[in-house]
Amino acid sequence: MKVIACIEDPVVIQKILNHLKEKGEYQDALRLPESRGPPQTRLFG
């Protein structure tokens, strides 16, 4: 993975986060996937 840019200006960061929050994408990014149990290895061996 390559880092293309690093945004360090707090004003710019806040603008980006506000924009994502308005679009609803910010909340989607904070959701965790559904948890699931470990694989049942006894079935395959």
C-alpha atoms as a PDB file:
ATOM      1  CA  MET A   1       0.000   0.000   0.000  1.00  0.00           C
ATOM      2  CA  LYS A   2       1.320   3.418  -0.923  1.00  0.00           C
ATOM      3  CA  VAL A   3       0.517   6.655   0.884  1.00  0.00           C
ATOM      4  CA  ILE A   4      -0.484   9.177  -1.727  1.00  0.00           C
ATOM      5  CA  ALA A   5      -1.289  12.134   0.535  1.00  0.00           C
ATOM      6  CA  CYS A   6      -1.320  13.082   4.188  1.00  0.00           C
ATOM      7  CA  ILE A   7      -3.739  15.781   5.307  1.00  0.00           C
ATOM      8  CA  GLU A   8      -2.555  17.522   8.468  1.00  0.00           C
ATOM      9  CA  ASP A   9      -4.528  20.781   8.423  1.00  0.00           C
ATOM     10  CA  PRO A  10      -7.261  20.490  11.109  1.00  0.00           C
ATOM     11  CA  VAL A  11      -9.573  22.857   9.216  1.00  0.00           C
ATOM     12  CA  VAL A  12      -9.402  20.718   6.074  1.00  0.00           C
ATOM     13  CA  ILE A  13      -9.861  17.510   8.068  1.00  0.00           C
ATOM     14  CA  GLN A  14     -12.984  18.936   9.746  1.00  0.00           C
ATOM     15  CA  LYS A  15     -14.416  19.998   6.369  1.00  0.00           C
ATOM     16  CA  ILE A  16     -13.919  16.493   4.999  1.00  0.00           C
ATOM     17  CA  LEU A  17     -15.512  14.855   8.052  1.00  0.00           C
ATOM     18  CA  ASN A  18     -18.476  17.250   7.948  1.00  0.00           C
ATOM     19  CA  HIS A  19     -18.998  16.503   4.268  1.00  0.00           C
ATOM     20  CA  LEU A  20     -18.931  12.743   4.862  1.00  0.00           C
ATOM     21  CA  LYS A  21     -21.283  13.072   7.832  1.00  0.00           C
ATOM     22  CA  GLU A  22     -23.800  14.995   5.673  1.00  0.00           C
ATOM     23  CA  LYS A  23     -23.683  12.314   2.991  1.00  0.00           C
ATOM     24  CA  GLY A  24     -24.158   9.543   5.545  1.00  0.00           C
ATOM     25  CA  GLU A  25     -20.963   7.765   4.540  1.00  0.00           C
ATOM     26  CA  TYR A  26     -19.260   8.658   7.818  1.00  0.00           C
ATOM     27  CA  GLN A  27     -21.753   6.660   9.891  1.00  0.00           C
ATOM     28  CA  ASP A  28     -21.512   3.684   7.529  1.00  0.00           C
ATOM     29  CA  ALA A  29     -17.747   3.608   8.005  1.00  0.00           C
ATOM     30  CA  LEU A  30     -18.129   3.422  11.785  1.00  0.00           C
ATOM     31  CA  ARG A  31     -20.344   0.321  11.702  1.00  0.00           C
ATOM     32  CA  LEU A  32     -18.744  -2.977  12.511  1.00  0.00           C
ATOM     33  CA  PRO A  33     -19.551  -6.081  10.493  1.00  0.00           C
ATOM     34  CA  GLU A  34     -21.800  -8.699  12.073  1.00  0.00           C
ATOM     35  CA  SER A  35     -19.903 -10.961  14.396  1.00  0.00           C
ATOM     36  CA  ARG A  36     -19.830 -14.670  13.675  1.00  0.00           C
ATOM     37  CA  GLY A  37     -18.586 -17.807  15.342  1.00  0.00           C
ATOM     38  CA  PRO A  38     -15.249 -19.446  14.609  1.00  0.00           C
ATOM     39  CA  PRO A  39     -15.066 -21.941  11.737  1.00  0.00           C
ATOM     40  CA  GLN A  40     -15.971 -25.510  12.612  1.00  0.00           C
ATOM     41  CA  THR A  41     -12.756 -27.263  11.655  1.00  0.00           C
ATOM     42  CA  ARG A  42     -13.997 -30.667  12.846  1.00  0.00           C
ATOM     43  CA  LEU A  43     -16.253 -30.832   9.790  1.00  0.00           C
ATOM     44  CA  PHE A  44     -13.290 -30.748   7.422  1.00  0.00           C
ATOM     45  CA  GLY A  45     -10.743 -32.982   9.007  1.00  0.00           C
END
